[in-house]
Amino acid sequence: MKQPGFFDVEERLARLSGLGDQLEAFSRTVDFEAFRPDLEKALAYSDGSKGGRPPFDPLLIPTPVRPDSYVIA
């Protein structure tokens, strides 16, 4: 397997989009930003005053919504 090139990721995402990416369809249908306040409240992130890694964006949650829609062969 060769090393990915500089534009390989962009080309792959463009191809996936052309085939009908389910996550793009979800994003057009569902306003995930509406969930941000509730997610931040539930996750209770610290303010970062003690240092450490910055918290993950709580809106990364839509990523595993439909893992069965992506067939990995």
PDB file of N, CA and C in Angstrom:
ATOM      1  N   MET A   1       0.847  -1.178   0.000  1.00  0.00           N
ATOM      2  CA  MET A   1       0.000   0.000   0.000  1.00  0.00           C
ATOM      3  C   MET A   1       0.888   1.235   0.000  1.00  0.00           C
ATOM      4  N   LYS A   2       0.635   2.122  -0.920  1.00  0.00           N
ATOM      5  CA  LYS A   2       1.462   3.321  -1.013  1.00  0.00           C
ATOM      6  C   LYS A   2       1.009   4.380  -0.008  1.00  0.00           C
ATOM      7  N   GLN A   3       1.903   5.294   0.258  1.00  0.00           N
ATOM      8  CA  GLN A   3       1.611   6.384   1.182  1.00  0.00           C
ATOM      9  C   GLN A   3       0.621   7.346   0.523  1.00  0.00           C
ATOM     10  N   PRO A   4      -0.401   7.813   1.288  1.00  0.00           N
ATOM     11  CA  PRO A   4      -1.369   8.734   0.705  1.00  0.00           C
ATOM     12  C   PRO A   4      -0.702  10.030   0.252  1.00  0.00           C
ATOM     13  N   GLY A   5      -1.154  10.536  -0.861  1.00  0.00           N
ATOM     14  CA  GLY A   5      -0.638  11.790  -1.385  1.00  0.00           C
ATOM     15  C   GLY A   5      -1.314  12.990  -0.744  1.00  0.00           C
ATOM     16  N   PHE A   6      -0.889  14.158  -1.168  1.00  0.00           N
ATOM     17  CA  PHE A   6      -1.371  15.402  -0.573  1.00  0.00           C
ATOM     18  C   PHE A   6      -2.864  15.616  -0.813  1.00  0.00           C
ATOM     19  N   PHE A   7      -3.351  15.252  -1.978  1.00  0.00           N
ATOM     20  CA  PHE A   7      -4.751  15.501  -2.309  1.00  0.00           C
ATOM     21  C   PHE A   7      -5.627  14.252  -2.221  1.00  0.00           C
ATOM     22  N   ASP A   8      -5.085  13.135  -1.779  1.00  0.00           N
ATOM     23  CA  ASP A   8      -5.849  11.889  -1.723  1.00  0.00           C
ATOM     24  C   ASP A   8      -7.084  11.997  -0.834  1.00  0.00           C
ATOM     25  N   VAL A   9      -6.942  12.645   0.312  1.00  0.00           N
ATOM     26  CA  VAL A   9      -8.078  12.761   1.230  1.00  0.00           C
ATOM     27  C   VAL A   9      -9.184  13.593   0.592  1.00  0.00           C
ATOM     28  N   GLU A  10      -8.807  14.718  -0.023  1.00  0.00           N
ATOM     29  CA  GLU A  10      -9.811  15.566  -0.667  1.00  0.00           C
ATOM     30  C   GLU A  10     -10.515  14.829  -1.799  1.00  0.00           C
ATOM     31  N   GLU A  11      -9.758  14.087  -2.582  1.00  0.00           N
ATOM     32  CA  GLU A  11     -10.354  13.332  -3.686  1.00  0.00           C
ATOM     33  C   GLU A  11     -11.287  12.241  -3.163  1.00  0.00           C
ATOM     34  N   ARG A  12     -10.885  11.590  -2.089  1.00  0.00           N
ATOM     35  CA  ARG A  12     -11.721  10.536  -1.521  1.00  0.00           C
ATOM     36  C   ARG A  12     -13.018  11.109  -0.951  1.00  0.00           C
ATOM     37  N   LEU A  13     -12.924  12.262  -0.271  1.00  0.00           N
ATOM     38  CA  LEU A  13     -14.125  12.894   0.266  1.00  0.00           C
ATOM     39  C   LEU A  13     -15.048  13.374  -0.849  1.00  0.00           C
ATOM     40  N   ALA A  14     -14.460  13.891  -1.926  1.00  0.00           N
ATOM     41  CA  ALA A  14     -15.268  14.330  -3.067  1.00  0.00           C
ATOM     42  C   ALA A  14     -15.984  13.135  -3.705  1.00  0.00           C
ATOM     43  N   ARG A  15     -15.285  12.014  -3.815  1.00  0.00           N
ATOM     44  CA  ARG A  15     -15.908  10.805  -4.383  1.00  0.00           C
ATOM     45  C   ARG A  15     -17.030  10.305  -3.482  1.00  0.00           C
ATOM     46  N   LEU A  16     -16.782  10.298  -2.172  1.00  0.00           N
ATOM     47  CA  LEU A  16     -17.798   9.863  -1.220  1.00  0.00           C
ATOM     48  C   LEU A  16     -19.018  10.773  -1.288  1.00  0.00           C
ATOM     49  N   SER A  17     -18.777  12.067  -1.396  1.00  0.00           N
ATOM     50  CA  SER A  17     -19.869  13.024  -1.509  1.00  0.00           C
ATOM     51  C   SER A  17     -20.680  12.775  -2.776  1.00  0.00           C
ATOM     52  N   GLY A  18     -19.999  12.478  -3.857  1.00  0.00           N
ATOM     53  CA  GLY A  18     -20.678  12.196  -5.113  1.00  0.00           C
ATOM     54  C   GLY A  18     -21.515  10.930  -5.072  1.00  0.00           C
ATOM     55  N   LEU A  19     -21.106   9.976  -4.247  1.00  0.00           N
ATOM     56  CA  LEU A  19     -21.848   8.720  -4.119  1.00  0.00           C
ATOM     57  C   LEU A  19     -23.042   8.833  -3.179  1.00  0.00           C
ATOM     58  N   GLY A  20     -23.126   9.955  -2.449  1.00  0.00           N
ATOM     59  CA  GLY A  20     -24.235  10.146  -1.516  1.00  0.00           C
ATOM     60  C   GLY A  20     -23.838   9.858  -0.087  1.00  0.00           C
ATOM     61  N   ASP A  21     -23.019  10.702   0.496  1.00  0.00           N
ATOM     62  CA  ASP A  21     -22.542  10.541   1.869  1.00  0.00           C
ATOM     63  C   ASP A  21     -23.706  10.691   2.853  1.00  0.00           C
ATOM     64  N   GLN A  22     -23.934   9.672   3.678  1.00  0.00           N
ATOM     65  CA  GLN A  22     -25.036   9.693   4.635  1.00  0.00           C
ATOM     66  C   GLN A  22     -24.872  10.788   5.685  1.00  0.00           C
ATOM     67  N   LEU A  23     -23.647  11.039   6.127  1.00  0.00           N
ATOM     68  CA  LEU A  23     -23.435  12.070   7.138  1.00  0.00           C
ATOM     69  C   LEU A  23     -23.767  13.453   6.589  1.00  0.00           C
ATOM     70  N   GLU A  24     -23.485  13.687   5.316  1.00  0.00           N
ATOM     71  CA  GLU A  24     -23.879  14.957   4.698  1.00  0.00           C
ATOM     72  C   GLU A  24     -25.399  15.080   4.662  1.00  0.00           C
ATOM     73  N   ALA A  25     -26.080  13.994   4.366  1.00  0.00           N
ATOM     74  CA  ALA A  25     -27.547  14.015   4.347  1.00  0.00           C
ATOM     75  C   ALA A  25     -28.091  14.304   5.742  1.00  0.00           C
ATOM     76  N   PHE A  26     -27.495  13.690   6.774  1.00  0.00           N
ATOM     77  CA  PHE A  26     -27.917  13.969   8.148  1.00  0.00           C
ATOM     78  C   PHE A  26     -27.692  15.432   8.492  1.00  0.00           C
ATOM     79  N   SER A  27     -26.554  15.978   8.084  1.00  0.00           N
ATOM     80  CA  SER A  27     -26.228  17.365   8.399  1.00  0.00           C
ATOM     81  C   SER A  27     -27.198  18.337   7.740  1.00  0.00           C
ATOM     82  N   ARG A  28     -27.668  17.996   6.553  1.00  0.00           N
ATOM     83  CA  ARG A  28     -28.656  18.857   5.891  1.00  0.00           C
ATOM     84  C   ARG A  28     -30.016  18.760   6.569  1.00  0.00           C
ATOM     85  N   THR A  29     -30.312  17.622   7.166  1.00  0.00           N
ATOM     86  CA  THR A  29     -31.622  17.376   7.756  1.00  0.00           C
ATOM     87  C   THR A  29     -31.694  17.784   9.220  1.00  0.00           C
ATOM     88  N   VAL A  30     -30.652  17.481   9.977  1.00  0.00           N
ATOM     89  CA  VAL A  30     -30.650  17.702  11.422  1.00  0.00           C
ATOM     90  C   VAL A  30     -29.716  18.852  11.766  1.00  0.00           C
ATOM     91  N   ASP A  31     -30.202  19.782  12.582  1.00  0.00           N
ATOM     92  CA  ASP A  31     -29.366  20.887  13.050  1.00  0.00           C
ATOM     93  C   ASP A  31     -28.639  20.425  14.315  1.00  0.00           C
ATOM     94  N   PHE A  32     -27.432  19.886  14.143  1.00  0.00           N
ATOM     95  CA  PHE A  32     -26.690  19.353  15.276  1.00  0.00           C
ATOM     96  C   PHE A  32     -26.264  20.442  16.256  1.00  0.00           C
ATOM     97  N   GLU A  33     -26.141  21.684  15.794  1.00  0.00           N
ATOM     98  CA  GLU A  33     -25.771  22.791  16.688  1.00  0.00           C
ATOM     99  C   GLU A  33     -26.815  22.986  17.786  1.00  0.00           C
ATOM    100  N   ALA A  34     -28.043  22.588  17.540  1.00  0.00           N
ATOM    101  CA  ALA A  34     -29.094  22.720  18.548  1.00  0.00           C
ATOM    102  C   ALA A  34     -28.800  21.846  19.771  1.00  0.00           C
ATOM    103  N   PHE A  35     -27.994  20.805  19.592  1.00  0.00           N
ATOM    104  CA  PHE A  35     -27.654  19.908  20.692  1.00  0.00           C
ATOM    105  C   PHE A  35     -26.455  20.390  21.509  1.00  0.00           C
ATOM    106  N   ARG A  36     -25.699  21.374  21.005  1.00  0.00           N
ATOM    107  CA  ARG A  36     -24.464  21.813  21.661  1.00  0.00           C
ATOM    108  C   ARG A  36     -24.666  22.210  23.125  1.00  0.00           C
ATOM    109  N   PRO A  37     -25.622  23.094  23.477  1.00  0.00           N
ATOM    110  CA  PRO A  37     -25.756  23.482  24.888  1.00  0.00           C
ATOM    111  C   PRO A  37     -26.022  22.301  25.816  1.00  0.00           C
ATOM    112  N   ASP A  38     -26.903  21.403  25.406  1.00  0.00           N
ATOM    113  CA  ASP A  38     -27.206  20.242  26.251  1.00  0.00           C
ATOM    114  C   ASP A  38     -26.006  19.315  26.384  1.00  0.00           C
ATOM    115  N   LEU A  39     -25.273  19.121  25.289  1.00  0.00           N
ATOM    116  CA  LEU A  39     -24.096  18.254  25.339  1.00  0.00           C
ATOM    117  C   LEU A  39     -23.007  18.844  26.223  1.00  0.00           C
ATOM    118  N   GLU A  40     -22.759  20.154  26.095  1.00  0.00           N
ATOM    119  CA  GLU A  40     -21.729  20.779  26.929  1.00  0.00           C
ATOM    120  C   GLU A  40     -22.111  20.722  28.399  1.00  0.00           C
ATOM    121  N   LYS A  41     -23.386  20.895  28.690  1.00  0.00           N
ATOM    122  CA  LYS A  41     -23.848  20.813  30.073  1.00  0.00           C
ATOM    123  C   LYS A  41     -23.698  19.387  30.611  1.00  0.00           C
ATOM    124  N   ALA A  42     -24.065  18.401  29.811  1.00  0.00           N
ATOM    125  CA  ALA A  42     -23.991  17.001  30.242  1.00  0.00           C
ATOM    126  C   ALA A  42     -22.552  16.519  30.377  1.00  0.00           C
ATOM    127  N   LEU A  43     -21.666  16.999  29.507  1.00  0.00           N
ATOM    128  CA  LEU A  43     -20.277  16.552  29.544  1.00  0.00           C
ATOM    129  C   LEU A  43     -19.470  17.261  30.620  1.00  0.00           C
ATOM    130  N   ALA A  44     -19.929  18.405  31.084  1.00  0.00           N
ATOM    131  CA  ALA A  44     -19.307  19.163  32.178  1.00  0.00           C
ATOM    132  C   ALA A  44     -17.801  19.326  31.987  1.00  0.00           C
ATOM    133  N   TYR A  45     -17.414  19.935  30.875  1.00  0.00           N
ATOM    134  CA  TYR A  45     -16.004  20.195  30.617  1.00  0.00           C
ATOM    135  C   TYR A  45     -15.456  21.189  31.632  1.00  0.00           C
ATOM    136  N   SER A  46     -14.191  21.015  32.016  1.00  0.00           N
ATOM    137  CA  SER A  46     -13.564  21.985  32.911  1.00  0.00           C
ATOM    138  C   SER A  46     -13.230  23.239  32.116  1.00  0.00           C
ATOM    139  N   ASP A  47     -12.918  24.306  32.826  1.00  0.00           N
ATOM    140  CA  ASP A  47     -12.634  25.581  32.153  1.00  0.00           C
ATOM    141  C   ASP A  47     -11.217  25.642  31.597  1.00  0.00           C
ATOM    142  N   GLY A  48     -10.396  24.662  31.873  1.00  0.00           N
ATOM    143  CA  GLY A  48      -9.038  24.622  31.337  1.00  0.00           C
ATOM    144  C   GLY A  48      -8.029  25.409  32.139  1.00  0.00           C
ATOM    145  N   SER A  49      -8.423  25.936  33.291  1.00  0.00           N
ATOM    146  CA  SER A  49      -7.501  26.742  34.085  1.00  0.00           C
ATOM    147  C   SER A  49      -6.355  25.912  34.663  1.00  0.00           C
ATOM    148  N   LYS A  50      -6.541  24.613  34.824  1.00  0.00           N
ATOM    149  CA  LYS A  50      -5.487  23.753  35.360  1.00  0.00           C
ATOM    150  C   LYS A  50      -4.627  23.147  34.259  1.00  0.00           C
ATOM    151  N   GLY A  51      -4.881  23.527  33.029  1.00  0.00           N
ATOM    152  CA  GLY A  51      -4.102  22.995  31.917  1.00  0.00           C
ATOM    153  C   GLY A  51      -4.699  21.708  31.401  1.00  0.00           C
ATOM    154  N   GLY A  52      -3.908  21.000  30.637  1.00  0.00           N
ATOM    155  CA  GLY A  52      -4.369  19.739  30.076  1.00  0.00           C
ATOM    156  C   GLY A  52      -4.821  19.876  28.640  1.00  0.00           C
ATOM    157  N   ARG A  53      -5.259  18.770  28.109  1.00  0.00           N
ATOM    158  CA  ARG A  53      -5.701  18.717  26.721  1.00  0.00           C
ATOM    159  C   ARG A  53      -7.020  19.467  26.565  1.00  0.00           C
ATOM    160  N   PRO A  54      -7.163  20.223  25.482  1.00  0.00           N
ATOM    161  CA  PRO A  54      -8.458  20.861  25.234  1.00  0.00           C
ATOM    162  C   PRO A  54      -9.534  19.794  25.024  1.00  0.00           C
ATOM    163  N   PRO A  55     -10.754  20.082  25.416  1.00  0.00           N
ATOM    164  CA  PRO A  55     -11.808  19.072  25.276  1.00  0.00           C
ATOM    165  C   PRO A  55     -12.167  18.820  23.818  1.00  0.00           C
ATOM    166  N   PHE A  56     -12.688  17.634  23.565  1.00  0.00           N
ATOM    167  CA  PHE A  56     -13.200  17.324  22.236  1.00  0.00           C
ATOM    168  C   PHE A  56     -14.443  18.160  21.976  1.00  0.00           C
ATOM    169  N   ASP A  57     -14.682  18.466  20.723  1.00  0.00           N
ATOM    170  CA  ASP A  57     -15.905  19.161  20.351  1.00  0.00           C
ATOM    171  C   ASP A  57     -17.070  18.200  20.561  1.00  0.00           C
ATOM    172  N   PRO A  58     -18.066  18.587  21.353  1.00  0.00           N
ATOM    173  CA  PRO A  58     -19.171  17.657  21.613  1.00  0.00           C
ATOM    174  C   PRO A  58     -19.972  17.307  20.365  1.00  0.00           C
ATOM    175  N   LEU A  59     -19.824  18.078  19.303  1.00  0.00           N
ATOM    176  CA  LEU A  59     -20.565  17.775  18.083  1.00  0.00           C
ATOM    177  C   LEU A  59     -19.883  16.718  17.232  1.00  0.00           C
ATOM    178  N   LEU A  60     -18.827  16.100  17.737  1.00  0.00           N
ATOM    179  CA  LEU A  60     -18.258  14.938  17.058  1.00  0.00           C
ATOM    180  C   LEU A  60     -19.148  13.721  17.263  1.00  0.00           C
ATOM    181  N   ILE A  61     -20.141  13.862  18.096  1.00  0.00           N
ATOM    182  CA  ILE A  61     -21.049  12.760  18.391  1.00  0.00           C
ATOM    183  C   ILE A  61     -21.813  12.271  17.159  1.00  0.00           C
ATOM    184  N   PRO A  62     -22.198  13.124  16.191  1.00  0.00           N
ATOM    185  CA  PRO A  62     -22.907  12.588  15.021  1.00  0.00           C
ATOM    186  C   PRO A  62     -22.089  11.589  14.203  1.00  0.00           C
ATOM    187  N   THR A  63     -20.796  11.575  14.364  1.00  0.00           N
ATOM    188  CA  THR A  63     -19.957  10.683  13.571  1.00  0.00           C
ATOM    189  C   THR A  63     -20.372   9.217  13.705  1.00  0.00           C
ATOM    190  N   PRO A  64     -20.575   8.681  14.914  1.00  0.00           N
ATOM    191  CA  PRO A  64     -20.965   7.264  14.996  1.00  0.00           C
ATOM    192  C   PRO A  64     -22.471   7.019  14.943  1.00  0.00           C
ATOM    193  N   VAL A  65     -23.250   8.000  14.509  1.00  0.00           N
ATOM    194  CA  VAL A  65     -24.700   7.834  14.500  1.00  0.00           C
ATOM    195  C   VAL A  65     -25.123   6.637  13.665  1.00  0.00           C
ATOM    196  N   ARG A  66     -24.560   6.492  12.476  1.00  0.00           N
ATOM    197  CA  ARG A  66     -24.934   5.406  11.579  1.00  0.00           C
ATOM    198  C   ARG A  66     -23.708   4.668  11.059  1.00  0.00           C
ATOM    199  N   PRO A  67     -22.948   4.007  11.919  1.00  0.00           N
ATOM    200  CA  PRO A  67     -21.766   3.303  11.408  1.00  0.00           C
ATOM    201  C   PRO A  67     -22.124   2.146  10.483  1.00  0.00           C
ATOM    202  N   ASP A  68     -23.346   1.636  10.592  1.00  0.00           N
ATOM    203  CA  ASP A  68     -23.735   0.526   9.730  1.00  0.00           C
ATOM    204  C   ASP A  68     -23.995   0.967   8.293  1.00  0.00           C
ATOM    205  N   SER A  69     -24.071   2.287   8.063  1.00  0.00           N
ATOM    206  CA  SER A  69     -24.310   2.758   6.698  1.00  0.00           C
ATOM    207  C   SER A  69     -23.023   2.791   5.879  1.00  0.00           C
ATOM    208  N   TYR A  70     -21.877   2.607   6.535  1.00  0.00           N
ATOM    209  CA  TYR A  70     -20.606   2.568   5.824  1.00  0.00           C
ATOM    210  C   TYR A  70     -20.108   1.133   5.792  1.00  0.00           C
ATOM    211  N   VAL A  71     -20.105   0.537   4.644  1.00  0.00           N
ATOM    212  CA  VAL A  71     -19.680  -0.853   4.498  1.00  0.00           C
ATOM    213  C   VAL A  71     -18.176  -0.876   4.289  1.00  0.00           C
ATOM    214  N   ILE A  72     -17.484  -1.571   5.172  1.00  0.00           N
ATOM    215  CA  ILE A  72     -16.033  -1.696   5.056  1.00  0.00           C
ATOM    216  C   ILE A  72     -15.742  -3.102   4.555  1.00  0.00           C
ATOM    217  N   ALA A  73     -15.176  -3.176   3.381  1.00  0.00           N
ATOM    218  CA  ALA A  73     -14.909  -4.487   2.789  1.00  0.00           C
ATOM    219  C   ALA A  73     -13.442  -4.836   2.897  1.00  0.00           C
TER     220      ALA A  73
END
